[in-house]
Amino acid sequence: MVSIRDVQLKDGRLLRVYDTGVEEAADAPTVLWHHGSPQTGAPLEPLLSAAAARGIRLLSYGRPSYGGSSPHRGRKVASAGADVAQIVDALGVARVAVMGASGGGPHALACAAFLPDRVTGVVCLAGLAPFTESFDWYAGMVAAGGLRAASAGREARERYAVSAEFDVNSFTPADWAALNGAWASLGADSVQAGAAGPNGLIDDDLAFVAPWGFDVAQIDAPVLLVQGEQDRVVPPTHADWLMRNCRMSELWLRPRDGHISILSAVPLAMDWLRTQSEPL
C-alpha cells in the first residue's frame, strides 16, 4: 500500500510524497526514486513490485510543478538536495539510497552531493551529465530542441513548448516494446504529467543546461550508471563522462537497450543498492 502526503517545506512550498512504508520491517532499506521528465512522481508499478520483492521501503515525490507539488521557479538541479533533506526528515528516515531515471538522474546525484552522511548509494539510469563543452553534449539526441531552447533562456523554452511535439524516433523498438509491456504505466503517467502543463518540464530543462550548483566530483557515495548503448534521448557519452568524473562510479553499459528499455535493469540496480547499505 502506498501512502500519499504533502510535505511542507521551510519556504512554504508543498511536495507531494509517496511512501510504501514497510511497517512490518522498520529497519528496511529505503530507496528514494527521482522521476523522469515529465512525470507526476507517483511510483510506477514495476518499481513497486521490485521494491516489495526485496523488502525495500520505496519513496518518491513530484519535483516542483509536477504532480501536485508547488512550483519553484528558477530552481537548480542542486535544489533537489535541500528538498529531499526535508522530505526524509519529515518521514523520519536517517539513511537513504537514491535512484533516478533520465531527468531524475541529475537530481539523484544532487542528493548524494548535499547529503553525504545520509545517502548510501546512487543509481542513475540513462541520466544526463552536466552541461559541458568537454564533449558534444547534444550529439546523438534525436530531439534536442527543448534543451537547445532552454540554453537560450526561459522565454525561448516557453515559446518552444507552445508547438513542441514528441518525436517518435527518439525511442527504439525495444523502448516501444517496454512501453507496451512492463512499463506501460510510465507512458500513462507521462501523458498525465504533460496534460497538467509544461512548467515542470520547462524548469527541468532550464536546470539541466545551467550550472547544476555542485560538482559531481565531490560525491562520496558509490554511483552506479546504467546506460543503454542504443539510447537516442540521453546518449552513452553522458554516462561515459559521469563515470570519468564521479570518483566512486561504475558503468553498466547494455548494448541492446534504449532510453526506456534500460529500466528493465531496475531490479538488479536495487540489488546493487542493497549491497551498498549493508554493514561491512
Protein backbone atom coordinates (compact mmCIF):
# COMPACT_ATOMS: atom_id res chain seq x y z
CA MET A 1 0.00 0.00 0.00
CA VAL A 2 1.27 3.48 -0.89
CA SER A 3 0.55 6.45 1.35
CA ILE A 4 0.43 9.96 -0.10
CA ARG A 5 1.15 13.13 1.81
CA ASP A 6 2.10 16.72 1.06
CA VAL A 7 5.27 17.69 2.90
CA GLN A 8 5.50 21.39 3.65
CA LEU A 9 9.00 22.83 3.25
CA LYS A 10 10.56 25.67 5.22
CA ASP A 11 9.83 28.14 2.41
CA GLY A 12 6.14 27.20 2.42
CA ARG A 13 6.17 25.07 -0.72
CA LEU A 14 4.50 21.66 -0.76
CA LEU A 15 5.94 18.49 -2.26
CA ARG A 16 3.69 15.51 -2.91
CA VAL A 17 5.40 12.44 -1.46
CA TYR A 18 4.64 8.73 -1.87
CA ASP A 19 5.74 6.12 0.69
CA THR A 20 5.29 2.34 0.76
CA GLY A 21 6.13 2.33 4.47
CA VAL A 22 7.04 -1.35 5.02
CA GLU A 23 5.64 -1.11 8.55
CA GLU A 24 6.47 -4.69 9.44
CA ALA A 25 10.19 -4.02 8.89
CA ALA A 26 11.16 -0.74 10.49
CA ASP A 27 14.80 -1.32 9.61
CA ALA A 28 14.07 -1.98 5.92
CA PRO A 29 16.42 -0.24 3.50
CA THR A 30 14.90 2.89 1.98
CA VAL A 31 15.21 3.92 -1.66
CA LEU A 32 14.02 7.29 -2.93
CA TRP A 33 13.08 7.41 -6.62
CA HIS A 34 13.61 10.54 -8.76
CA HIS A 35 11.24 10.52 -11.72
CA GLY A 36 11.95 11.39 -15.33
CA SER A 37 10.79 14.41 -17.32
CA PRO A 38 7.83 14.74 -17.50
CA GLN A 39 6.18 12.50 -14.90
CA THR A 40 3.96 13.05 -11.87
CA GLY A 41 6.23 11.47 -9.27
CA ALA A 42 3.76 8.70 -8.42
CA PRO A 43 5.59 5.37 -8.05
CA LEU A 44 5.23 3.14 -11.11
CA GLU A 45 4.11 -0.47 -10.83
CA PRO A 46 7.45 -2.08 -11.83
CA LEU A 47 9.21 -0.02 -9.15
CA LEU A 48 6.69 -1.05 -6.51
CA SER A 49 6.99 -4.72 -7.44
CA ALA A 50 10.79 -4.71 -7.45
CA ALA A 51 10.94 -2.90 -4.10
CA ALA A 52 8.37 -5.18 -2.46
CA ALA A 53 10.22 -8.30 -3.61
CA ARG A 54 13.37 -7.00 -1.87
CA GLY A 55 11.82 -5.69 1.33
CA ILE A 56 12.68 -2.12 0.33
CA ARG A 57 10.77 0.91 1.53
CA LEU A 58 10.19 2.96 -1.62
CA LEU A 59 9.74 6.71 -1.55
CA SER A 60 9.09 9.03 -4.47
CA TYR A 61 7.92 12.60 -4.91
CA GLY A 62 6.88 15.07 -7.57
CA ARG A 63 9.53 17.65 -8.30
CA PRO A 64 8.29 21.26 -8.21
CA SER A 65 5.43 21.87 -10.69
CA TYR A 66 4.86 18.13 -11.16
CA GLY A 67 2.01 16.03 -9.82
CA GLY A 68 0.61 18.48 -7.29
CA SER A 69 3.93 19.81 -5.97
CA SER A 70 4.34 23.58 -5.69
CA PRO A 71 6.30 25.48 -8.34
CA HIS A 72 9.87 26.59 -7.64
CA ARG A 73 10.75 29.00 -10.41
CA GLY A 74 14.49 29.28 -11.02
CA ARG A 75 15.32 26.02 -9.25
CA LYS A 76 18.68 24.38 -9.91
CA VAL A 77 19.46 20.68 -10.04
CA ALA A 78 21.09 21.22 -6.63
CA SER A 79 17.72 22.33 -5.22
CA ALA A 80 16.70 18.68 -5.05
CA GLY A 81 19.25 18.11 -2.30
CA ALA A 82 17.60 20.60 0.07
CA ASP A 83 14.10 19.41 -0.86
CA VAL A 84 14.92 15.74 -0.24
CA ALA A 85 16.63 16.56 3.07
CA GLN A 86 13.34 17.99 4.30
CA ILE A 87 11.34 15.06 2.91
CA VAL A 88 13.41 12.42 4.70
CA ASP A 89 13.39 14.50 7.89
CA ALA A 90 9.59 14.66 7.76
CA LEU A 91 9.40 10.87 7.27
CA GLY A 92 11.97 10.07 9.95
CA VAL A 93 14.41 8.44 7.52
CA ALA A 94 18.04 8.57 8.64
CA ARG A 95 19.77 6.85 5.70
CA VAL A 96 18.54 6.52 2.14
CA ALA A 97 19.68 5.29 -1.26
CA VAL A 98 18.61 7.25 -4.33
CA MET A 99 17.69 6.22 -7.86
CA GLY A 100 16.85 8.41 -10.83
CA ALA A 101 15.98 7.75 -14.45
CA SER A 102 16.56 10.17 -17.32
CA GLY A 103 15.80 13.65 -15.92
CA GLY A 104 15.74 12.14 -12.43
CA GLY A 105 19.38 11.08 -12.65
CA PRO A 106 20.91 14.54 -12.08
CA HIS A 107 18.61 15.11 -9.12
CA ALA A 108 19.66 11.81 -7.55
CA LEU A 109 23.29 12.91 -7.88
CA ALA A 110 22.41 16.22 -6.21
CA CYS A 111 21.14 14.36 -3.14
CA ALA A 112 24.42 12.47 -2.84
CA ALA A 113 26.40 15.69 -3.16
CA PHE A 114 24.44 17.56 -0.50
CA LEU A 115 23.61 14.72 1.90
CA PRO A 116 26.91 12.83 2.14
CA ASP A 117 26.18 11.43 5.61
CA ARG A 118 22.74 10.14 4.65
CA VAL A 119 22.93 8.83 1.07
CA THR A 120 24.31 5.28 0.91
CA GLY A 121 24.41 4.90 -2.86
CA VAL A 122 23.19 6.34 -6.15
CA VAL A 123 21.79 4.73 -9.31
CA CYS A 124 21.40 6.78 -12.50
CA LEU A 125 19.58 5.09 -15.36
CA ALA A 126 20.05 6.96 -18.66
CA GLY A 127 20.86 10.13 -16.72
CA LEU A 128 22.16 13.38 -18.18
CA ALA A 129 25.66 14.70 -17.49
CA PRO A 130 26.13 18.36 -16.54
CA PHE A 131 26.14 20.73 -19.50
CA THR A 132 29.74 20.93 -20.63
CA GLU A 133 31.89 21.75 -23.65
CA SER A 134 34.28 18.87 -22.92
CA PHE A 135 32.24 16.72 -25.34
CA ASP A 136 29.39 17.35 -27.81
CA TRP A 137 26.61 17.32 -25.24
CA TYR A 138 23.78 17.20 -27.80
CA ALA A 139 25.34 14.65 -30.16
CA GLY A 140 23.18 11.56 -30.58
CA MET A 141 19.98 13.16 -29.26
CA VAL A 142 17.24 12.66 -31.85
CA ALA A 143 15.17 15.55 -30.45
CA ALA A 144 17.29 18.10 -28.57
CA GLY A 145 15.04 21.06 -29.36
CA GLY A 146 13.77 21.59 -25.83
CA LEU A 147 17.23 21.57 -24.29
CA ARG A 148 18.65 23.82 -27.02
CA ALA A 149 15.80 26.26 -26.48
CA ALA A 150 16.40 26.19 -22.72
CA SER A 151 20.04 27.16 -23.30
CA ALA A 152 18.69 30.43 -24.77
CA GLY A 153 16.67 31.18 -21.63
CA ARG A 154 13.18 30.78 -20.17
CA GLU A 155 11.34 32.81 -22.81
CA ALA A 156 12.84 30.74 -25.61
CA ARG A 157 11.97 27.48 -23.81
CA GLU A 158 8.41 28.66 -23.17
CA ARG A 159 7.98 29.57 -26.85
CA TYR A 160 9.27 26.15 -27.83
CA ALA A 161 6.74 24.45 -25.55
CA VAL A 162 3.81 26.01 -27.42
CA SER A 163 4.35 23.92 -30.55
CA ALA A 164 6.60 21.09 -29.35
CA GLU A 165 5.63 17.56 -30.33
CA PHE A 166 7.23 14.28 -29.28
CA ASP A 167 9.48 12.75 -31.95
CA VAL A 168 8.62 9.05 -32.07
CA ASN A 169 12.09 8.31 -33.45
CA SER A 170 13.50 9.17 -30.01
CA PHE A 171 12.58 5.65 -28.90
CA THR A 172 13.96 2.39 -30.24
CA PRO A 173 11.82 -0.70 -30.97
CA ALA A 174 12.94 -2.05 -27.59
CA ASP A 175 11.69 1.15 -25.94
CA TRP A 176 8.29 0.87 -27.58
CA ALA A 177 8.07 -2.79 -26.55
CA ALA A 178 8.75 -1.78 -22.93
CA LEU A 179 6.09 0.96 -23.08
CA ASN A 180 3.59 -1.50 -24.48
CA GLY A 181 4.52 -4.09 -21.87
CA ALA A 182 6.08 -3.92 -18.41
CA TRP A 183 6.47 -0.13 -18.39
CA ALA A 184 3.04 0.83 -19.76
CA SER A 185 2.43 2.72 -16.50
CA LEU A 186 5.32 5.06 -17.36
CA GLY A 187 3.71 6.08 -20.63
CA ALA A 188 0.34 6.71 -18.96
CA ASP A 189 1.96 8.72 -16.17
CA SER A 190 3.94 10.82 -18.63
CA VAL A 191 0.76 11.67 -20.53
CA GLN A 192 -0.90 12.67 -17.25
CA ALA A 193 2.05 14.90 -16.33
CA GLY A 194 2.09 16.53 -19.74
CA ALA A 195 -1.64 17.22 -19.62
CA ALA A 196 -1.12 19.26 -16.43
CA GLY A 197 1.05 21.72 -18.33
CA PRO A 198 4.68 22.21 -19.37
CA ASN A 199 6.05 24.09 -16.36
CA GLY A 200 7.78 21.17 -14.67
CA LEU A 201 9.49 20.10 -17.88
CA ILE A 202 10.49 23.68 -18.70
CA ASP A 203 12.05 24.10 -15.25
CA ASP A 204 13.84 20.76 -15.59
CA ASP A 205 15.34 21.67 -18.96
CA LEU A 206 16.45 25.09 -17.73
CA ALA A 207 18.15 23.45 -14.75
CA PHE A 208 19.90 20.81 -16.89
CA VAL A 209 21.61 23.32 -19.21
CA ALA A 210 22.56 25.75 -16.42
CA PRO A 211 25.26 25.19 -13.79
CA TRP A 212 23.93 22.45 -11.53
CA GLY A 213 25.14 24.04 -8.30
CA PHE A 214 27.57 21.26 -7.37
CA ASP A 215 30.48 19.28 -8.78
CA VAL A 216 29.85 15.57 -9.27
CA ALA A 217 33.48 15.00 -8.24
CA GLN A 218 32.50 15.92 -4.66
CA ILE A 219 30.16 12.91 -4.36
CA ASP A 220 31.48 10.42 -1.81
CA ALA A 221 28.77 7.77 -2.22
CA PRO A 222 29.17 4.92 -4.72
CA VAL A 223 27.47 5.70 -8.03
CA LEU A 224 26.09 3.13 -10.47
CA LEU A 225 25.47 4.34 -14.02
CA VAL A 226 23.14 2.16 -16.09
CA GLN A 227 23.09 3.09 -19.75
CA GLY A 228 21.61 1.75 -22.97
CA GLU A 229 24.04 1.86 -25.86
CA GLN A 230 21.13 2.49 -28.27
CA ASP A 231 19.71 5.43 -26.27
CA ARG A 232 18.54 8.23 -28.59
CA VAL A 233 17.37 10.57 -25.80
CA VAL A 234 20.41 10.62 -23.49
CA PRO A 235 23.35 9.19 -25.48
CA PRO A 236 26.02 6.96 -23.89
CA THR A 237 28.56 9.81 -23.98
CA HIS A 238 26.77 11.26 -20.94
CA ALA A 239 27.27 8.10 -18.88
CA ASP A 240 30.87 7.92 -20.02
CA TRP A 241 31.52 11.48 -18.82
CA LEU A 242 29.85 10.79 -15.48
CA MET A 243 31.87 7.61 -14.99
CA ARG A 244 35.12 9.52 -15.55
CA ASN A 245 34.15 12.37 -13.22
CA CYS A 246 32.35 10.61 -10.34
CA ARG A 247 35.09 9.26 -8.08
CA MET A 248 33.32 6.07 -6.92
CA SER A 249 31.45 5.04 -10.05
CA GLU A 250 30.85 2.02 -12.19
CA LEU A 251 29.06 1.70 -15.51
CA TRP A 252 26.70 -0.99 -16.71
CA LEU A 253 26.55 -0.45 -20.47
CA ARG A 254 23.76 -2.54 -22.02
CA PRO A 255 24.27 -2.80 -25.79
CA ARG A 256 20.66 -3.58 -26.81
CA ASP A 257 18.81 -1.09 -24.61
CA GLY A 258 17.43 2.33 -25.38
CA HIS A 259 16.02 5.03 -23.13
CA ILE A 260 13.01 3.13 -21.76
CA SER A 261 14.06 -0.49 -22.10
CA ILE A 262 17.05 0.26 -19.83
CA LEU A 263 14.53 0.32 -16.97
CA SER A 264 14.42 -3.47 -17.09
CA ALA A 265 17.65 -3.21 -15.07
CA VAL A 266 15.85 -1.61 -12.11
CA PRO A 267 15.60 -4.85 -10.05
CA LEU A 268 19.32 -5.56 -10.47
CA ALA A 269 20.14 -1.95 -9.64
CA MET A 270 18.08 -2.23 -6.45
CA ASP A 271 20.09 -5.33 -5.54
CA TRP A 272 23.25 -3.29 -6.06
CA LEU A 273 21.93 -0.51 -3.81
CA ARG A 274 21.18 -3.01 -1.06
CA THR A 275 24.82 -4.15 -1.07
CA GLN A 276 25.94 -0.54 -0.57
CA SER A 277 23.79 -0.11 2.54
CA GLU A 278 24.84 -3.34 4.23
CA PRO A 279 27.42 -3.03 7.01
CA LEU A 280 30.94 -4.26 6.25
